[in-house]
Amino acid sequence: CVSSQVGCALECRFCATGRQGFNRNLTSAEIIA
């Protein structure tokens, strides 16, 4: 299970990631890494 962003901006109410806010997109290197 791979991440694509640092945090998330969509704020789905039942998701812990959405509660923490959003910082930036990951690069392709950070995704494939």
PDB file of all heavy atoms in Angstrom:
ATOM      1  N   CYS A   1       0.856  -1.180   0.000  1.00  0.00           N
ATOM      2  CA  CYS A   1       0.000   0.000   0.000  1.00  0.00           C
ATOM      3  C   CYS A   1       0.897   1.236   0.000  1.00  0.00           C
ATOM      4  O   CYS A   1       1.664   1.463   0.936  1.00  0.00           O
ATOM      5  CB  CYS A   1      -0.909  -0.017   1.235  1.00  0.00           C
ATOM      6  SG  CYS A   1      -2.104   1.334   1.276  1.00  0.00           S
ATOM      7  N   VAL A   2       0.804   2.026  -1.063  1.00  0.00           N
ATOM      8  CA  VAL A   2       1.737   3.111  -1.341  1.00  0.00           C
ATOM      9  C   VAL A   2       1.050   4.458  -1.172  1.00  0.00           C
ATOM     10  O   VAL A   2      -0.105   4.642  -1.558  1.00  0.00           O
ATOM     11  CB  VAL A   2       2.277   2.959  -2.782  1.00  0.00           C
ATOM     12  CG1 VAL A   2       3.097   4.167  -3.200  1.00  0.00           C
ATOM     13  CG2 VAL A   2       3.115   1.686  -2.888  1.00  0.00           C
ATOM     14  N   SER A   3       1.775   5.422  -0.614  1.00  0.00           N
ATOM     15  CA  SER A   3       1.282   6.789  -0.456  1.00  0.00           C
ATOM     16  C   SER A   3       1.654   7.631  -1.671  1.00  0.00           C
ATOM     17  O   SER A   3       2.670   7.381  -2.331  1.00  0.00           O
ATOM     18  CB  SER A   3       1.865   7.432   0.809  1.00  0.00           C
ATOM     19  OG  SER A   3       1.429   6.761   1.972  1.00  0.00           O
ATOM     20  N   SER A   4       0.837   8.655  -1.952  1.00  0.00           N
ATOM     21  CA  SER A   4       1.090   9.538  -3.092  1.00  0.00           C
ATOM     22  C   SER A   4       1.236  11.003  -2.692  1.00  0.00           C
ATOM     23  O   SER A   4       1.652  11.828  -3.512  1.00  0.00           O
ATOM     24  CB  SER A   4      -0.038   9.413  -4.121  1.00  0.00           C
ATOM     25  OG  SER A   4      -1.298   9.692  -3.525  1.00  0.00           O
ATOM     26  N   GLN A   5       0.865  11.342  -1.465  1.00  0.00           N
ATOM     27  CA  GLN A   5       1.000  12.701  -0.960  1.00  0.00           C
ATOM     28  C   GLN A   5       1.424  12.655   0.504  1.00  0.00           C
ATOM     29  O   GLN A   5       1.254  11.633   1.183  1.00  0.00           O
ATOM     30  CB  GLN A   5      -0.334  13.459  -1.064  1.00  0.00           C
ATOM     31  CG  GLN A   5      -0.844  13.667  -2.476  1.00  0.00           C
ATOM     32  CD  GLN A   5      -2.182  14.399  -2.499  1.00  0.00           C
ATOM     33  OE1 GLN A   5      -3.103  14.051  -1.769  1.00  0.00           O
ATOM     34  NE2 GLN A   5      -2.297  15.411  -3.347  1.00  0.00           N
ATOM     35  N   VAL A   6       1.980  13.759   0.986  1.00  0.00           N
ATOM     36  CA  VAL A   6       2.232  13.909   2.420  1.00  0.00           C
ATOM     37  C   VAL A   6       0.963  14.500   3.014  1.00  0.00           C
ATOM     38  O   VAL A   6       0.660  15.672   2.842  1.00  0.00           O
ATOM     39  CB  VAL A   6       3.433  14.829   2.696  1.00  0.00           C
ATOM     40  CG1 VAL A   6       3.734  14.859   4.190  1.00  0.00           C
ATOM     41  CG2 VAL A   6       4.658  14.356   1.925  1.00  0.00           C
ATOM     42  N   GLY A   7       0.189  13.654   3.690  1.00  0.00           N
ATOM     43  CA  GLY A   7      -1.114  14.069   4.168  1.00  0.00           C
ATOM     44  C   GLY A   7      -2.140  14.001   3.054  1.00  0.00           C
ATOM     45  O   GLY A   7      -1.926  13.369   2.014  1.00  0.00           O
ATOM     46  N   CYS A   8      -3.273  14.654   3.258  1.00  0.00           N
ATOM     47  CA  CYS A   8      -4.335  14.660   2.251  1.00  0.00           C
ATOM     48  C   CYS A   8      -5.209  15.888   2.472  1.00  0.00           C
ATOM     49  O   CYS A   8      -5.485  16.264   3.614  1.00  0.00           O
ATOM     50  CB  CYS A   8      -5.187  13.391   2.356  1.00  0.00           C
ATOM     51  SG  CYS A   8      -6.455  13.253   1.070  1.00  0.00           S
ATOM     52  N   ALA A   9      -5.639  16.491   1.358  1.00  0.00           N
ATOM     53  CA  ALA A   9      -6.430  17.722   1.443  1.00  0.00           C
ATOM     54  C   ALA A   9      -7.925  17.481   1.414  1.00  0.00           C
ATOM     55  O   ALA A   9      -8.696  18.424   1.587  1.00  0.00           O
ATOM     56  CB  ALA A   9      -6.054  18.653   0.281  1.00  0.00           C
ATOM     57  N   LEU A  10      -8.375  16.250   1.206  1.00  0.00           N
ATOM     58  CA  LEU A  10      -9.795  16.024   0.952  1.00  0.00           C
ATOM     59  C   LEU A  10     -10.651  15.925   2.207  1.00  0.00           C
ATOM     60  O   LEU A  10     -11.867  16.028   2.139  1.00  0.00           O
ATOM     61  CB  LEU A  10      -9.977  14.773   0.090  1.00  0.00           C
ATOM     62  CG  LEU A  10      -9.404  14.877  -1.327  1.00  0.00           C
ATOM     63  CD1 LEU A  10      -9.834  13.686  -2.158  1.00  0.00           C
ATOM     64  CD2 LEU A  10      -9.829  16.169  -2.004  1.00  0.00           C
ATOM     65  N   GLU A  11     -10.069  15.666   3.336  1.00  0.00           N
ATOM     66  CA  GLU A  11     -10.776  15.689   4.622  1.00  0.00           C
ATOM     67  C   GLU A  11     -11.999  14.780   4.676  1.00  0.00           C
ATOM     68  O   GLU A  11     -13.050  15.168   5.183  1.00  0.00           O
ATOM     69  CB  GLU A  11     -11.200  17.128   4.965  1.00  0.00           C
ATOM     70  CG  GLU A  11     -10.038  18.020   5.313  1.00  0.00           C
ATOM     71  CD  GLU A  11     -10.498  19.365   5.860  1.00  0.00           C
ATOM     72  OE1 GLU A  11     -11.370  20.007   5.244  1.00  0.00           O
ATOM     73  OE2 GLU A  11     -10.000  19.761   6.918  1.00  0.00           O
ATOM     74  N   CYS A  12     -11.887  13.571   4.143  1.00  0.00           N
ATOM     75  CA  CYS A  12     -12.963  12.594   4.345  1.00  0.00           C
ATOM     76  C   CYS A  12     -13.116  12.373   5.848  1.00  0.00           C
ATOM     77  O   CYS A  12     -12.134  12.189   6.567  1.00  0.00           O
ATOM     78  CB  CYS A  12     -12.635  11.294   3.629  1.00  0.00           C
ATOM     79  SG  CYS A  12     -12.540  11.470   1.830  1.00  0.00           S
ATOM     80  N   ARG A  13     -14.331  12.399   6.325  1.00  0.00           N
ATOM     81  CA  ARG A  13     -14.574  12.493   7.765  1.00  0.00           C
ATOM     82  C   ARG A  13     -14.147  11.249   8.546  1.00  0.00           C
ATOM     83  O   ARG A  13     -13.889  11.344   9.742  1.00  0.00           O
ATOM     84  CB  ARG A  13     -16.053  12.774   8.028  1.00  0.00           C
ATOM     85  CG  ARG A  13     -16.471  14.169   7.599  1.00  0.00           C
ATOM     86  CD  ARG A  13     -17.936  14.428   7.872  1.00  0.00           C
ATOM     87  NE  ARG A  13     -18.321  15.774   7.470  1.00  0.00           N
ATOM     88  CZ  ARG A  13     -18.271  16.840   8.254  1.00  0.00           C
ATOM     89  NH1 ARG A  13     -17.860  16.714   9.511  1.00  0.00           N
ATOM     90  NH2 ARG A  13     -18.648  18.020   7.807  1.00  0.00           N
ATOM     91  N   PHE A  14     -14.074  10.111   7.894  1.00  0.00           N
ATOM     92  CA  PHE A  14     -13.774   8.866   8.601  1.00  0.00           C
ATOM     93  C   PHE A  14     -12.311   8.459   8.449  1.00  0.00           C
ATOM     94  O   PHE A  14     -11.933   7.349   8.812  1.00  0.00           O
ATOM     95  CB  PHE A  14     -14.658   7.740   8.051  1.00  0.00           C
ATOM     96  CG  PHE A  14     -14.629   7.672   6.552  1.00  0.00           C
ATOM     97  CD1 PHE A  14     -13.609   7.031   5.876  1.00  0.00           C
ATOM     98  CD2 PHE A  14     -15.616   8.298   5.813  1.00  0.00           C
ATOM     99  CE1 PHE A  14     -13.571   7.008   4.508  1.00  0.00           C
ATOM    100  CE2 PHE A  14     -15.599   8.278   4.429  1.00  0.00           C
ATOM    101  CZ  PHE A  14     -14.568   7.622   3.773  1.00  0.00           C
ATOM    102  N   CYS A  15     -11.465   9.326   7.890  1.00  0.00           N
ATOM    103  CA  CYS A  15     -10.086   8.976   7.558  1.00  0.00           C
ATOM    104  C   CYS A  15      -9.103   9.745   8.435  1.00  0.00           C
ATOM    105  O   CYS A  15      -9.153  10.975   8.509  1.00  0.00           O
ATOM    106  CB  CYS A  15      -9.822   9.277   6.085  1.00  0.00           C
ATOM    107  SG  CYS A  15      -8.142   8.873   5.555  1.00  0.00           S
ATOM    108  N   ALA A  16      -8.188   9.016   9.085  1.00  0.00           N
ATOM    109  CA  ALA A  16      -7.197   9.650   9.958  1.00  0.00           C
ATOM    110  C   ALA A  16      -6.261  10.551   9.170  1.00  0.00           C
ATOM    111  O   ALA A  16      -5.867  11.621   9.643  1.00  0.00           O
ATOM    112  CB  ALA A  16      -6.394   8.582  10.702  1.00  0.00           C
ATOM    113  N   THR A  17      -5.883  10.141   7.970  1.00  0.00           N
ATOM    114  CA  THR A  17      -4.985  10.956   7.155  1.00  0.00           C
ATOM    115  C   THR A  17      -5.614  12.303   6.828  1.00  0.00           C
ATOM    116  O   THR A  17      -4.961  13.349   6.883  1.00  0.00           O
ATOM    117  CB  THR A  17      -4.621  10.214   5.860  1.00  0.00           C
ATOM    118  OG1 THR A  17      -4.104   8.931   6.176  1.00  0.00           O
ATOM    119  CG2 THR A  17      -3.584  10.989   5.070  1.00  0.00           C
ATOM    120  N   GLY A  18      -6.908  12.279   6.490  1.00  0.00           N
ATOM    121  CA  GLY A  18      -7.587  13.522   6.156  1.00  0.00           C
ATOM    122  C   GLY A  18      -7.663  14.489   7.310  1.00  0.00           C
ATOM    123  O   GLY A  18      -7.754  15.708   7.107  1.00  0.00           O
ATOM    124  N   ARG A  19      -7.605  13.975   8.539  1.00  0.00           N
ATOM    125  CA  ARG A  19      -7.676  14.846   9.716  1.00  0.00           C
ATOM    126  C   ARG A  19      -6.378  15.619   9.950  1.00  0.00           C
ATOM    127  O   ARG A  19      -6.375  16.634  10.645  1.00  0.00           O
ATOM    128  CB  ARG A  19      -7.976  13.997  10.963  1.00  0.00           C
ATOM    129  CG  ARG A  19      -9.374  13.383  10.973  1.00  0.00           C
ATOM    130  CD  ARG A  19     -10.445  14.442  11.223  1.00  0.00           C
ATOM    131  NE  ARG A  19     -11.769  13.849  11.322  1.00  0.00           N
ATOM    132  CZ  ARG A  19     -12.317  13.457  12.467  1.00  0.00           C
ATOM    133  NH1 ARG A  19     -11.640  13.575  13.607  1.00  0.00           N
ATOM    134  NH2 ARG A  19     -13.519  12.923  12.480  1.00  0.00           N
ATOM    135  N   GLN A  20      -5.273  15.157   9.397  1.00  0.00           N
ATOM    136  CA  GLN A  20      -3.991  15.758   9.740  1.00  0.00           C
ATOM    137  C   GLN A  20      -3.612  16.915   8.827  1.00  0.00           C
ATOM    138  O   GLN A  20      -2.643  17.611   9.078  1.00  0.00           O
ATOM    139  CB  GLN A  20      -2.890  14.697   9.679  1.00  0.00           C
ATOM    140  CG  GLN A  20      -2.584  14.235   8.258  1.00  0.00           C
ATOM    141  CD  GLN A  20      -1.370  13.335   8.211  1.00  0.00           C
ATOM    142  OE1 GLN A  20      -1.024  12.702   9.186  1.00  0.00           O
ATOM    143  NE2 GLN A  20      -0.718  13.306   7.073  1.00  0.00           N
ATOM    144  N   GLY A  21      -4.351  17.122   7.737  1.00  0.00           N
ATOM    145  CA  GLY A  21      -4.009  18.204   6.824  1.00  0.00           C
ATOM    146  C   GLY A  21      -3.126  17.734   5.692  1.00  0.00           C
ATOM    147  O   GLY A  21      -2.840  16.548   5.538  1.00  0.00           O
ATOM    148  N   PHE A  22      -2.685  18.664   4.879  1.00  0.00           N
ATOM    149  CA  PHE A  22      -1.940  18.367   3.661  1.00  0.00           C
ATOM    150  C   PHE A  22      -0.696  19.230   3.614  1.00  0.00           C
ATOM    151  O   PHE A  22      -0.733  20.420   3.937  1.00  0.00           O
ATOM    152  CB  PHE A  22      -2.817  18.649   2.440  1.00  0.00           C
ATOM    153  CG  PHE A  22      -2.088  18.574   1.130  1.00  0.00           C
ATOM    154  CD1 PHE A  22      -1.762  17.359   0.571  1.00  0.00           C
ATOM    155  CD2 PHE A  22      -1.732  19.737   0.456  1.00  0.00           C
ATOM    156  CE1 PHE A  22      -1.088  17.291  -0.648  1.00  0.00           C
ATOM    157  CE2 PHE A  22      -1.066  19.681  -0.759  1.00  0.00           C
ATOM    158  CZ  PHE A  22      -0.744  18.448  -1.307  1.00  0.00           C
ATOM    159  N   ASN A  23       0.420  18.627   3.196  1.00  0.00           N
ATOM    160  CA  ASN A  23       1.643  19.399   3.067  1.00  0.00           C
ATOM    161  C   ASN A  23       2.088  19.546   1.614  1.00  0.00           C
ATOM    162  O   ASN A  23       2.216  20.635   1.096  1.00  0.00           O
ATOM    163  CB  ASN A  23       2.770  18.785   3.884  1.00  0.00           C
ATOM    164  CG  ASN A  23       3.982  19.686   3.950  1.00  0.00           C
ATOM    165  OD1 ASN A  23       3.846  20.899   4.094  1.00  0.00           O
ATOM    166  ND2 ASN A  23       5.159  19.118   3.809  1.00  0.00           N
ATOM    167  N   ARG A  24       2.286  18.410   0.917  1.00  0.00           N
ATOM    168  CA  ARG A  24       2.746  18.510  -0.467  1.00  0.00           C
ATOM    169  C   ARG A  24       2.543  17.187  -1.194  1.00  0.00           C
ATOM    170  O   ARG A  24       2.304  16.143  -0.584  1.00  0.00           O
ATOM    171  CB  ARG A  24       4.224  18.895  -0.534  1.00  0.00           C
ATOM    172  CG  ARG A  24       5.189  17.836   0.003  1.00  0.00           C
ATOM    173  CD  ARG A  24       6.634  18.253  -0.273  1.00  0.00           C
ATOM    174  NE  ARG A  24       7.604  17.335   0.279  1.00  0.00           N
ATOM    175  CZ  ARG A  24       8.036  16.235  -0.350  1.00  0.00           C
ATOM    176  NH1 ARG A  24       7.548  15.909  -1.530  1.00  0.00           N
ATOM    177  NH2 ARG A  24       8.959  15.466   0.220  1.00  0.00           N
ATOM    178  N   ASN A  25       2.678  17.255  -2.522  1.00  0.00           N
ATOM    179  CA  ASN A  25       2.690  16.056  -3.345  1.00  0.00           C
ATOM    180  C   ASN A  25       4.034  15.353  -3.240  1.00  0.00           C
ATOM    181  O   ASN A  25       5.079  16.001  -3.055  1.00  0.00           O
ATOM    182  CB  ASN A  25       2.444  16.408  -4.818  1.00  0.00           C
ATOM    183  CG  ASN A  25       1.016  16.821  -5.090  1.00  0.00           C
ATOM    184  OD1 ASN A  25       0.084  16.302  -4.490  1.00  0.00           O
ATOM    185  ND2 ASN A  25       0.837  17.750  -6.021  1.00  0.00           N
ATOM    186  N   LEU A  26       4.029  14.055  -3.366  1.00  0.00           N
ATOM    187  CA  LEU A  26       5.274  13.304  -3.479  1.00  0.00           C
ATOM    188  C   LEU A  26       5.767  13.346  -4.923  1.00  0.00           C
ATOM    189  O   LEU A  26       4.988  13.435  -5.862  1.00  0.00           O
ATOM    190  CB  LEU A  26       5.065  11.853  -3.061  1.00  0.00           C
ATOM    191  CG  LEU A  26       4.701  11.602  -1.596  1.00  0.00           C
ATOM    192  CD1 LEU A  26       4.515  10.105  -1.342  1.00  0.00           C
ATOM    193  CD2 LEU A  26       5.744  12.177  -0.648  1.00  0.00           C
ATOM    194  N   THR A  27       7.079  13.279  -5.099  1.00  0.00           N
ATOM    195  CA  THR A  27       7.651  13.156  -6.433  1.00  0.00           C
ATOM    196  C   THR A  27       7.534  11.703  -6.893  1.00  0.00           C
ATOM    197  O   THR A  27       7.288  10.788  -6.098  1.00  0.00           O
ATOM    198  CB  THR A  27       9.125  13.552  -6.434  1.00  0.00           C
ATOM    199  OG1 THR A  27       9.871  12.607  -5.632  1.00  0.00           O
ATOM    200  CG2 THR A  27       9.311  14.962  -5.855  1.00  0.00           C
ATOM    201  N   SER A  28       7.729  11.498  -8.196  1.00  0.00           N
ATOM    202  CA  SER A  28       7.705  10.126  -8.707  1.00  0.00           C
ATOM    203  C   SER A  28       8.777   9.283  -8.031  1.00  0.00           C
ATOM    204  O   SER A  28       8.566   8.092  -7.763  1.00  0.00           O
ATOM    205  CB  SER A  28       7.894  10.118 -10.223  1.00  0.00           C
ATOM    206  OG  SER A  28       9.121  10.721 -10.593  1.00  0.00           O
ATOM    207  N   ALA A  29       9.929   9.891  -7.725  1.00  0.00           N
ATOM    208  CA  ALA A  29      10.995   9.161  -7.037  1.00  0.00           C
ATOM    209  C   ALA A  29      10.543   8.721  -5.646  1.00  0.00           C
ATOM    210  O   ALA A  29      10.829   7.603  -5.209  1.00  0.00           O
ATOM    211  CB  ALA A  29      12.253  10.015  -6.948  1.00  0.00           C
ATOM    212  N   GLU A  30       9.834   9.591  -4.935  1.00  0.00           N
ATOM    213  CA  GLU A  30       9.376   9.253  -3.588  1.00  0.00           C
ATOM    214  C   GLU A  30       8.268   8.203  -3.614  1.00  0.00           C
ATOM    215  O   GLU A  30       8.127   7.416  -2.671  1.00  0.00           O
ATOM    216  CB  GLU A  30       8.906  10.514  -2.875  1.00  0.00           C
ATOM    217  CG  GLU A  30      10.043  11.465  -2.542  1.00  0.00           C
ATOM    218  CD  GLU A  30       9.556  12.850  -2.129  1.00  0.00           C
ATOM    219  OE1 GLU A  30       8.442  13.252  -2.543  1.00  0.00           O
ATOM    220  OE2 GLU A  30      10.302  13.551  -1.414  1.00  0.00           O
ATOM    221  N   ILE A  31       7.489   8.187  -4.688  1.00  0.00           N
ATOM    222  CA  ILE A  31       6.425   7.183  -4.808  1.00  0.00           C
ATOM    223  C   ILE A  31       7.024   5.821  -5.131  1.00  0.00           C
ATOM    224  O   ILE A  31       6.764   4.831  -4.452  1.00  0.00           O
ATOM    225  CB  ILE A  31       5.401   7.600  -5.873  1.00  0.00           C
ATOM    226  CG1 ILE A  31       4.693   8.886  -5.453  1.00  0.00           C
ATOM    227  CG2 ILE A  31       4.372   6.489  -6.098  1.00  0.00           C
ATOM    228  CD1 ILE A  31       3.868   9.532  -6.549  1.00  0.00           C
ATOM    229  N   ILE A  32       7.857   5.761  -6.170  1.00  0.00           N
ATOM    230  CA  ILE A  32       8.425   4.466  -6.564  1.00  0.00           C
ATOM    231  C   ILE A  32       9.425   3.983  -5.522  1.00  0.00           C
ATOM    232  O   ILE A  32       9.633   2.764  -5.368  1.00  0.00           O
ATOM    233  CB  ILE A  32       9.083   4.560  -7.963  1.00  0.00           C
ATOM    234  CG1 ILE A  32       9.188   3.158  -8.589  1.00  0.00           C
ATOM    235  CG2 ILE A  32      10.438   5.233  -7.904  1.00  0.00           C
ATOM    236  CD1 ILE A  32       7.868   2.518  -8.901  1.00  0.00           C
ATOM    237  N   ALA A  33      10.030   4.900  -4.778  1.00  0.00           N
ATOM    238  CA  ALA A  33      10.981   4.496  -3.746  1.00  0.00           C
ATOM    239  C   ALA A  33      10.329   3.628  -2.676  1.00  0.00           C
ATOM    240  O   ALA A  33      11.003   2.821  -2.030  1.00  0.00           O
ATOM    241  CB  ALA A  33      11.608   5.726  -3.089  1.00  0.00           C
TER     242      ALA A  33
END
